Amino acid sequence: LEVGDGTATVTREVDGGLETITVKLPA
């Protein structure tokens, strides 16, 4: 998890491996 200016970038563990997404805050 990395928190930036108004967003959070998250690396997720999924069945196929890893997925990195960015979501808007609040989250």
PDB file of all heavy atoms in Angstrom:
ATOM      1  N   LEU A   1       0.843  -1.202   0.000  1.00  0.00           N
ATOM      2  CA  LEU A   1       0.000   0.000   0.000  1.00  0.00           C
ATOM      3  C   LEU A   1       0.870   1.241   0.000  1.00  0.00           C
ATOM      4  O   LEU A   1       1.777   1.364   0.823  1.00  0.00           O
ATOM      5  CB  LEU A   1      -0.910  -0.001   1.240  1.00  0.00           C
ATOM      6  CG  LEU A   1      -1.710   1.281   1.525  1.00  0.00           C
ATOM      7  CD1 LEU A   1      -2.684   1.573   0.396  1.00  0.00           C
ATOM      8  CD2 LEU A   1      -2.444   1.161   2.863  1.00  0.00           C
ATOM      9  N   GLU A   2       0.584   2.146  -0.925  1.00  0.00           N
ATOM     10  CA  GLU A   2       1.249   3.443  -0.975  1.00  0.00           C
ATOM     11  C   GLU A   2       0.186   4.525  -1.083  1.00  0.00           C
ATOM     12  O   GLU A   2      -0.647   4.496  -1.989  1.00  0.00           O
ATOM     13  CB  GLU A   2       2.206   3.523  -2.176  1.00  0.00           C
ATOM     14  CG  GLU A   2       3.369   2.540  -2.115  1.00  0.00           C
ATOM     15  CD  GLU A   2       4.287   2.653  -3.317  1.00  0.00           C
ATOM     16  OE1 GLU A   2       4.082   3.589  -4.123  1.00  0.00           O
ATOM     17  OE2 GLU A   2       5.176   1.805  -3.468  1.00  0.00           O
ATOM     18  N   VAL A   3       0.231   5.465  -0.144  1.00  0.00           N
ATOM     19  CA  VAL A   3      -0.758   6.544  -0.114  1.00  0.00           C
ATOM     20  C   VAL A   3      -0.142   7.803  -0.697  1.00  0.00           C
ATOM     21  O   VAL A   3       0.931   8.239  -0.269  1.00  0.00           O
ATOM     22  CB  VAL A   3      -1.250   6.797   1.326  1.00  0.00           C
ATOM     23  CG1 VAL A   3      -2.201   7.994   1.361  1.00  0.00           C
ATOM     24  CG2 VAL A   3      -1.928   5.556   1.879  1.00  0.00           C
ATOM     25  N   GLY A   4      -0.828   8.361  -1.712  1.00  0.00           N
ATOM     26  CA  GLY A   4      -0.351   9.586  -2.344  1.00  0.00           C
ATOM     27  C   GLY A   4      -1.302  10.737  -2.074  1.00  0.00           C
ATOM     28  O   GLY A   4      -2.041  10.744  -1.077  1.00  0.00           O
ATOM     29  N   ASP A   5      -1.313  11.699  -2.956  1.00  0.00           N
ATOM     30  CA  ASP A   5      -2.162  12.880  -2.820  1.00  0.00           C
ATOM     31  C   ASP A   5      -3.554  12.561  -3.362  1.00  0.00           C
ATOM     32  O   ASP A   5      -3.799  12.650  -4.559  1.00  0.00           O
ATOM     33  CB  ASP A   5      -1.554  14.060  -3.588  1.00  0.00           C
ATOM     34  CG  ASP A   5      -2.328  15.348  -3.358  1.00  0.00           C
ATOM     35  OD1 ASP A   5      -3.172  15.374  -2.437  1.00  0.00           O
ATOM     36  OD2 ASP A   5      -2.095  16.324  -4.101  1.00  0.00           O
ATOM     37  N   GLY A   6      -4.445  12.172  -2.459  1.00  0.00           N
ATOM     38  CA  GLY A   6      -5.820  11.878  -2.855  1.00  0.00           C
ATOM     39  C   GLY A   6      -6.032  10.499  -3.447  1.00  0.00           C
ATOM     40  O   GLY A   6      -7.147  10.170  -3.861  1.00  0.00           O
ATOM     41  N   THR A   7      -4.992   9.676  -3.494  1.00  0.00           N
ATOM     42  CA  THR A   7      -5.112   8.332  -4.048  1.00  0.00           C
ATOM     43  C   THR A   7      -4.325   7.335  -3.196  1.00  0.00           C
ATOM     44  O   THR A   7      -3.465   7.715  -2.405  1.00  0.00           O
ATOM     45  CB  THR A   7      -4.593   8.254  -5.496  1.00  0.00           C
ATOM     46  OG1 THR A   7      -3.183   8.556  -5.502  1.00  0.00           O
ATOM     47  CG2 THR A   7      -5.346   9.210  -6.403  1.00  0.00           C
ATOM     48  N   ALA A   8      -4.637   6.072  -3.400  1.00  0.00           N
ATOM     49  CA  ALA A   8      -3.868   4.985  -2.791  1.00  0.00           C
ATOM     50  C   ALA A   8      -3.565   3.968  -3.879  1.00  0.00           C
ATOM     51  O   ALA A   8      -4.456   3.572  -4.641  1.00  0.00           O
ATOM     52  CB  ALA A   8      -4.647   4.340  -1.657  1.00  0.00           C
ATOM     53  N   THR A   9      -2.306   3.571  -3.973  1.00  0.00           N
ATOM     54  CA  THR A   9      -1.899   2.546  -4.932  1.00  0.00           C
ATOM     55  C   THR A   9      -1.713   1.245  -4.168  1.00  0.00           C
ATOM     56  O   THR A   9      -0.952   1.178  -3.202  1.00  0.00           O
ATOM     57  CB  THR A   9      -0.594   2.938  -5.645  1.00  0.00           C
ATOM     58  OG1 THR A   9      -0.811   4.182  -6.340  1.00  0.00           O
ATOM     59  CG2 THR A   9      -0.185   1.875  -6.653  1.00  0.00           C
ATOM     60  N   VAL A  10      -2.420   0.222  -4.612  1.00  0.00           N
ATOM     61  CA  VAL A  10      -2.474  -1.037  -3.875  1.00  0.00           C
ATOM     62  C   VAL A  10      -2.074  -2.186  -4.790  1.00  0.00           C
ATOM     63  O   VAL A  10      -2.575  -2.303  -5.906  1.00  0.00           O
ATOM     64  CB  VAL A  10      -3.896  -1.294  -3.333  1.00  0.00           C
ATOM     65  CG1 VAL A  10      -3.952  -2.619  -2.567  1.00  0.00           C
ATOM     66  CG2 VAL A  10      -4.347  -0.147  -2.444  1.00  0.00           C
ATOM     67  N   THR A  11      -1.154  -3.007  -4.311  1.00  0.00           N
ATOM     68  CA  THR A  11      -0.836  -4.273  -4.978  1.00  0.00           C
ATOM     69  C   THR A  11      -1.665  -5.355  -4.312  1.00  0.00           C
ATOM     70  O   THR A  11      -1.576  -5.565  -3.101  1.00  0.00           O
ATOM     71  CB  THR A  11       0.657  -4.606  -4.878  1.00  0.00           C
ATOM     72  OG1 THR A  11       1.407  -3.563  -5.515  1.00  0.00           O
ATOM     73  CG2 THR A  11       0.968  -5.933  -5.565  1.00  0.00           C
ATOM     74  N   ARG A  12      -2.474  -6.035  -5.124  1.00  0.00           N
ATOM     75  CA  ARG A  12      -3.413  -7.031  -4.625  1.00  0.00           C
ATOM     76  C   ARG A  12      -2.940  -8.436  -4.976  1.00  0.00           C
ATOM     77  O   ARG A  12      -2.371  -8.656  -6.040  1.00  0.00           O
ATOM     78  CB  ARG A  12      -4.800  -6.830  -5.231  1.00  0.00           C
ATOM     79  CG  ARG A  12      -5.398  -5.451  -5.038  1.00  0.00           C
ATOM     80  CD  ARG A  12      -6.770  -5.367  -5.703  1.00  0.00           C
ATOM     81  NE  ARG A  12      -7.677  -6.359  -5.151  1.00  0.00           N
ATOM     82  CZ  ARG A  12      -8.281  -7.309  -5.877  1.00  0.00           C
ATOM     83  NH1 ARG A  12      -8.048  -7.410  -7.186  1.00  0.00           N
ATOM     84  NH2 ARG A  12      -9.099  -8.168  -5.294  1.00  0.00           N
ATOM     85  N   GLU A  13      -3.226  -9.366  -4.075  1.00  0.00           N
ATOM     86  CA  GLU A  13      -2.954 -10.774  -4.356  1.00  0.00           C
ATOM     87  C   GLU A  13      -4.205 -11.394  -4.973  1.00  0.00           C
ATOM     88  O   GLU A  13      -5.258 -11.444  -4.342  1.00  0.00           O
ATOM     89  CB  GLU A  13      -2.551 -11.493  -3.074  1.00  0.00           C
ATOM     90  CG  GLU A  13      -1.307 -10.906  -2.438  1.00  0.00           C
ATOM     91  CD  GLU A  13      -0.580 -11.880  -1.542  1.00  0.00           C
ATOM     92  OE1 GLU A  13      -1.005 -13.049  -1.468  1.00  0.00           O
ATOM     93  OE2 GLU A  13       0.424 -11.485  -0.941  1.00  0.00           O
ATOM     94  N   VAL A  14      -4.086 -11.838  -6.226  1.00  0.00           N
ATOM     95  CA  VAL A  14      -5.196 -12.445  -6.945  1.00  0.00           C
ATOM     96  C   VAL A  14      -4.785 -13.849  -7.377  1.00  0.00           C
ATOM     97  O   VAL A  14      -3.623 -14.251  -7.247  1.00  0.00           O
ATOM     98  CB  VAL A  14      -5.600 -11.592  -8.164  1.00  0.00           C
ATOM     99  CG1 VAL A  14      -6.119 -10.232  -7.718  1.00  0.00           C
ATOM    100  CG2 VAL A  14      -4.425 -11.405  -9.123  1.00  0.00           C
ATOM    101  N   ASP A  15      -5.739 -14.605  -7.903  1.00  0.00           N
ATOM    102  CA  ASP A  15      -5.467 -15.999  -8.250  1.00  0.00           C
ATOM    103  C   ASP A  15      -4.322 -16.130  -9.255  1.00  0.00           C
ATOM    104  O   ASP A  15      -3.536 -17.064  -9.187  1.00  0.00           O
ATOM    105  CB  ASP A  15      -6.724 -16.651  -8.825  1.00  0.00           C
ATOM    106  CG  ASP A  15      -7.805 -16.849  -7.761  1.00  0.00           C
ATOM    107  OD1 ASP A  15      -7.457 -16.810  -6.571  1.00  0.00           O
ATOM    108  OD2 ASP A  15      -8.972 -17.034  -8.126  1.00  0.00           O
ATOM    109  N   GLY A  16      -4.225 -15.182 -10.178  1.00  0.00           N
ATOM    110  CA  GLY A  16      -3.203 -15.274 -11.219  1.00  0.00           C
ATOM    111  C   GLY A  16      -1.863 -14.670 -10.839  1.00  0.00           C
ATOM    112  O   GLY A  16      -0.937 -14.670 -11.650  1.00  0.00           O
ATOM    113  N   GLY A  17      -1.745 -14.115  -9.639  1.00  0.00           N
ATOM    114  CA  GLY A  17      -0.493 -13.486  -9.223  1.00  0.00           C
ATOM    115  C   GLY A  17      -0.743 -12.198  -8.477  1.00  0.00           C
ATOM    116  O   GLY A  17      -1.432 -12.180  -7.456  1.00  0.00           O
ATOM    117  N   LEU A  18      -0.199 -11.081  -9.002  1.00  0.00           N
ATOM    118  CA  LEU A  18      -0.346  -9.778  -8.367  1.00  0.00           C
ATOM    119  C   LEU A  18      -0.990  -8.792  -9.321  1.00  0.00           C
ATOM    120  O   LEU A  18      -0.726  -8.815 -10.527  1.00  0.00           O
ATOM    121  CB  LEU A  18       1.017  -9.243  -7.908  1.00  0.00           C
ATOM    122  CG  LEU A  18       1.779 -10.076  -6.880  1.00  0.00           C
ATOM    123  CD1 LEU A  18       3.148  -9.464  -6.615  1.00  0.00           C
ATOM    124  CD2 LEU A  18       0.991 -10.188  -5.573  1.00  0.00           C
ATOM    125  N   GLU A  19      -1.817  -7.917  -8.786  1.00  0.00           N
ATOM    126  CA  GLU A  19      -2.474  -6.870  -9.559  1.00  0.00           C
ATOM    127  C   GLU A  19      -2.267  -5.550  -8.835  1.00  0.00           C
ATOM    128  O   GLU A  19      -2.482  -5.462  -7.622  1.00  0.00           O
ATOM    129  CB  GLU A  19      -3.971  -7.174  -9.685  1.00  0.00           C
ATOM    130  CG  GLU A  19      -4.770  -6.077 -10.366  1.00  0.00           C
ATOM    131  CD  GLU A  19      -6.258  -6.331 -10.316  1.00  0.00           C
ATOM    132  OE1 GLU A  19      -6.783  -6.498  -9.197  1.00  0.00           O
ATOM    133  OE2 GLU A  19      -6.901  -6.362 -11.378  1.00  0.00           O
ATOM    134  N   THR A  20      -1.845  -4.518  -9.540  1.00  0.00           N
ATOM    135  CA  THR A  20      -1.646  -3.193  -8.940  1.00  0.00           C
ATOM    136  C   THR A  20      -2.705  -2.242  -9.467  1.00  0.00           C
ATOM    137  O   THR A  20      -2.878  -2.097 -10.685  1.00  0.00           O
ATOM    138  CB  THR A  20      -0.242  -2.651  -9.248  1.00  0.00           C
ATOM    139  OG1 THR A  20       0.736  -3.555  -8.738  1.00  0.00           O
ATOM    140  CG2 THR A  20      -0.032  -1.294  -8.606  1.00  0.00           C
ATOM    141  N   ILE A  21      -3.420  -1.603  -8.542  1.00  0.00           N
ATOM    142  CA  ILE A  21      -4.478  -0.663  -8.920  1.00  0.00           C
ATOM    143  C   ILE A  21      -4.313   0.626  -8.127  1.00  0.00           C
ATOM    144  O   ILE A  21      -3.659   0.656  -7.085  1.00  0.00           O
ATOM    145  CB  ILE A  21      -5.886  -1.246  -8.671  1.00  0.00           C
ATOM    146  CG1 ILE A  21      -6.085  -1.536  -7.176  1.00  0.00           C
ATOM    147  CG2 ILE A  21      -6.110  -2.504  -9.498  1.00  0.00           C
ATOM    148  CD1 ILE A  21      -7.500  -1.972  -6.816  1.00  0.00           C
ATOM    149  N   THR A  22      -4.914   1.688  -8.611  1.00  0.00           N
ATOM    150  CA  THR A  22      -4.953   2.969  -7.907  1.00  0.00           C
ATOM    151  C   THR A  22      -6.406   3.329  -7.649  1.00  0.00           C
ATOM    152  O   THR A  22      -7.233   3.273  -8.567  1.00  0.00           O
ATOM    153  CB  THR A  22      -4.269   4.081  -8.719  1.00  0.00           C
ATOM    154  OG1 THR A  22      -2.887   3.750  -8.910  1.00  0.00           O
ATOM    155  CG2 THR A  22      -4.355   5.415  -7.993  1.00  0.00           C
ATOM    156  N   VAL A  23      -6.723   3.663  -6.405  1.00  0.00           N
ATOM    157  CA  VAL A  23      -8.088   4.030  -6.037  1.00  0.00           C
ATOM    158  C   VAL A  23      -8.084   5.435  -5.452  1.00  0.00           C
ATOM    159  O   VAL A  23      -7.093   5.886  -4.881  1.00  0.00           O
ATOM    160  CB  VAL A  23      -8.686   3.039  -5.017  1.00  0.00           C
ATOM    161  CG1 VAL A  23      -8.829   1.655  -5.645  1.00  0.00           C
ATOM    162  CG2 VAL A  23      -7.841   2.951  -3.749  1.00  0.00           C
ATOM    163  N   LYS A  24      -9.196   6.117  -5.613  1.00  0.00           N
ATOM    164  CA  LYS A  24      -9.351   7.449  -5.050  1.00  0.00           C
ATOM    165  C   LYS A  24      -9.723   7.342  -3.570  1.00  0.00           C
ATOM    166  O   LYS A  24     -10.433   6.435  -3.157  1.00  0.00           O
ATOM    167  CB  LYS A  24     -10.430   8.226  -5.803  1.00  0.00           C
ATOM    168  CG  LYS A  24     -10.066   8.566  -7.242  1.00  0.00           C
ATOM    169  CD  LYS A  24     -11.170   9.378  -7.903  1.00  0.00           C
ATOM    170  CE  LYS A  24     -10.815   9.749  -9.347  1.00  0.00           C
ATOM    171  NZ  LYS A  24     -11.901  10.526 -10.000  1.00  0.00           N
ATOM    172  N   LEU A  25      -9.231   8.292  -2.795  1.00  0.00           N
ATOM    173  CA  LEU A  25      -9.603   8.375  -1.390  1.00  0.00           C
ATOM    174  C   LEU A  25     -10.857   9.224  -1.228  1.00  0.00           C
ATOM    175  O   LEU A  25     -11.071  10.144  -2.010  1.00  0.00           O
ATOM    176  CB  LEU A  25      -8.444   8.987  -0.588  1.00  0.00           C
ATOM    177  CG  LEU A  25      -7.121   8.221  -0.633  1.00  0.00           C
ATOM    178  CD1 LEU A  25      -6.088   8.922   0.227  1.00  0.00           C
ATOM    179  CD2 LEU A  25      -7.285   6.781  -0.205  1.00  0.00           C
ATOM    180  N   PRO A  26     -11.725   8.927  -0.267  1.00  0.00           N
ATOM    181  CA  PRO A  26     -11.588   7.890   0.760  1.00  0.00           C
ATOM    182  C   PRO A  26     -11.792   6.498   0.187  1.00  0.00           C
ATOM    183  O   PRO A  26     -12.525   6.322  -0.798  1.00  0.00           O
ATOM    184  CB  PRO A  26     -12.682   8.250   1.764  1.00  0.00           C
ATOM    185  CG  PRO A  26     -13.720   8.945   0.949  1.00  0.00           C
ATOM    186  CD  PRO A  26     -12.974   9.729  -0.092  1.00  0.00           C
ATOM    187  N   ALA A  27     -11.149   5.518   0.815  1.00  0.00           N
ATOM    188  CA  ALA A  27     -11.201   4.159   0.302  1.00  0.00           C
ATOM    189  C   ALA A  27     -11.169   3.160   1.447  1.00  0.00           C
ATOM    190  O   ALA A  27     -10.724   3.466   2.557  1.00  0.00           O
ATOM    191  CB  ALA A  27     -10.025   3.906  -0.643  1.00  0.00           C
TER     192      ALA A  27
END
